[in-house]
Amino acid sequence: MALTNEGRREGSPTLGEIELWPASVDVATAAAAFGISRSYGYELARGAFPAKVIQAGGRYRVVTASIIRALSDGTTAQQVRDQDT
């Protein structure tokens, strides 16, 4: 697994990129955000995916806002700087 300079998996979208996504995305796209494979993403979509999954007929969609919440800890850059001092 190759990592970028930011420590994320190569090919994984940044949080800024995810924020530009539509309201929901397919499981393969959401899985990439978490750095997991498409097939494992579909396995998790049946009940343990780390973000909100909606099933419409035979299709699964993942709510983008829930991906952002799952990947964000809510800490601002200023809070991180304050902790370091």
Protein backbone atom coordinates (compact mmCIF):
# COMPACT_ATOMS: atom_id res chain seq x y z
CA MET A 1 0.00 0.00 0.00
CA ALA A 2 1.52 3.28 -1.08
CA LEU A 3 1.02 6.30 1.15
CA THR A 4 1.12 9.93 0.14
CA ASN A 5 3.12 12.59 1.99
CA GLU A 6 -0.04 13.37 3.99
CA GLY A 7 -0.16 9.78 5.27
CA ARG A 8 -3.30 8.81 3.37
CA ARG A 9 -3.58 5.88 0.99
CA GLU A 10 -2.67 6.73 -2.59
CA GLY A 11 -5.83 7.20 -4.62
CA SER A 12 -7.91 8.08 -1.56
CA PRO A 13 -9.70 11.41 -1.85
CA THR A 14 -8.93 14.25 0.52
CA LEU A 15 -11.57 15.59 2.90
CA GLY A 16 -11.76 18.73 0.75
CA GLU A 17 -12.51 16.62 -2.31
CA ILE A 18 -15.16 14.62 -0.44
CA GLU A 19 -16.88 17.84 0.60
CA LEU A 20 -17.48 18.54 -3.12
CA TRP A 21 -19.20 15.19 -3.72
CA PRO A 22 -22.99 14.97 -4.30
CA ALA A 23 -25.33 14.21 -1.38
CA SER A 24 -24.76 10.47 -1.78
CA VAL A 25 -22.24 8.28 -3.58
CA ASP A 26 -21.93 4.64 -4.53
CA VAL A 27 -20.27 2.18 -2.17
CA ALA A 28 -17.10 1.90 -4.26
CA THR A 29 -16.54 5.66 -4.08
CA ALA A 30 -17.26 5.77 -0.35
CA ALA A 31 -14.98 2.79 0.26
CA ALA A 32 -12.13 4.68 -1.43
CA ALA A 33 -12.61 7.51 1.07
CA PHE A 34 -11.99 5.05 3.91
CA GLY A 35 -9.08 3.37 2.12
CA ILE A 36 -10.85 0.03 1.82
CA SER A 37 -11.48 -2.09 -1.24
CA ARG A 38 -14.67 -1.97 -3.24
CA SER A 39 -15.53 -5.59 -2.37
CA TYR A 40 -14.94 -5.06 1.36
CA GLY A 41 -17.02 -1.88 1.15
CA TYR A 42 -19.97 -3.84 -0.23
CA GLU A 43 -19.50 -6.46 2.48
CA LEU A 44 -19.63 -3.74 5.15
CA ALA A 45 -22.58 -1.99 3.46
CA ARG A 46 -24.78 -4.85 4.63
CA GLY A 47 -24.57 -3.60 8.20
CA ALA A 48 -21.19 -2.36 9.40
CA PHE A 49 -20.11 0.39 7.00
CA PRO A 50 -18.50 3.33 8.87
CA ALA A 51 -20.98 5.80 7.33
CA LYS A 52 -24.75 5.85 6.73
CA VAL A 53 -25.82 3.49 3.94
CA ILE A 54 -29.19 3.74 2.21
CA GLN A 55 -30.54 0.79 0.27
CA ALA A 56 -32.83 1.63 -2.63
CA GLY A 57 -34.00 -1.54 -4.30
CA GLY A 58 -30.89 -3.57 -4.97
CA ARG A 59 -28.57 -0.57 -4.87
CA TYR A 60 -26.63 0.90 -1.99
CA ARG A 61 -25.83 4.62 -1.60
CA VAL A 62 -23.67 6.20 1.10
CA VAL A 63 -24.57 9.62 2.51
CA THR A 64 -21.67 12.00 1.90
CA ALA A 65 -22.29 14.05 5.05
CA SER A 66 -21.91 10.88 7.13
CA ILE A 67 -18.59 10.11 5.41
CA ILE A 68 -17.34 13.58 6.30
CA ARG A 69 -18.47 13.16 9.93
CA ALA A 70 -16.81 9.76 10.18
CA LEU A 71 -13.51 11.05 8.79
CA SER A 72 -13.51 14.29 10.80
CA ASP A 73 -12.88 14.46 14.50
CA GLY A 74 -14.17 18.01 14.71
CA THR A 75 -10.80 19.38 15.79
CA THR A 76 -9.86 22.64 14.13
CA ALA A 77 -6.32 23.50 13.09
CA GLN A 78 -6.28 26.19 15.81
CA GLN A 79 -7.16 23.64 18.49
CA VAL A 80 -4.30 21.42 17.34
CA ARG A 81 -1.87 24.37 17.52
CA ASP A 82 -3.14 25.27 21.00
CA GLN A 83 -2.57 21.70 22.24
CA ASP A 84 1.02 21.80 21.02
CA THR A 85 1.88 24.88 23.10
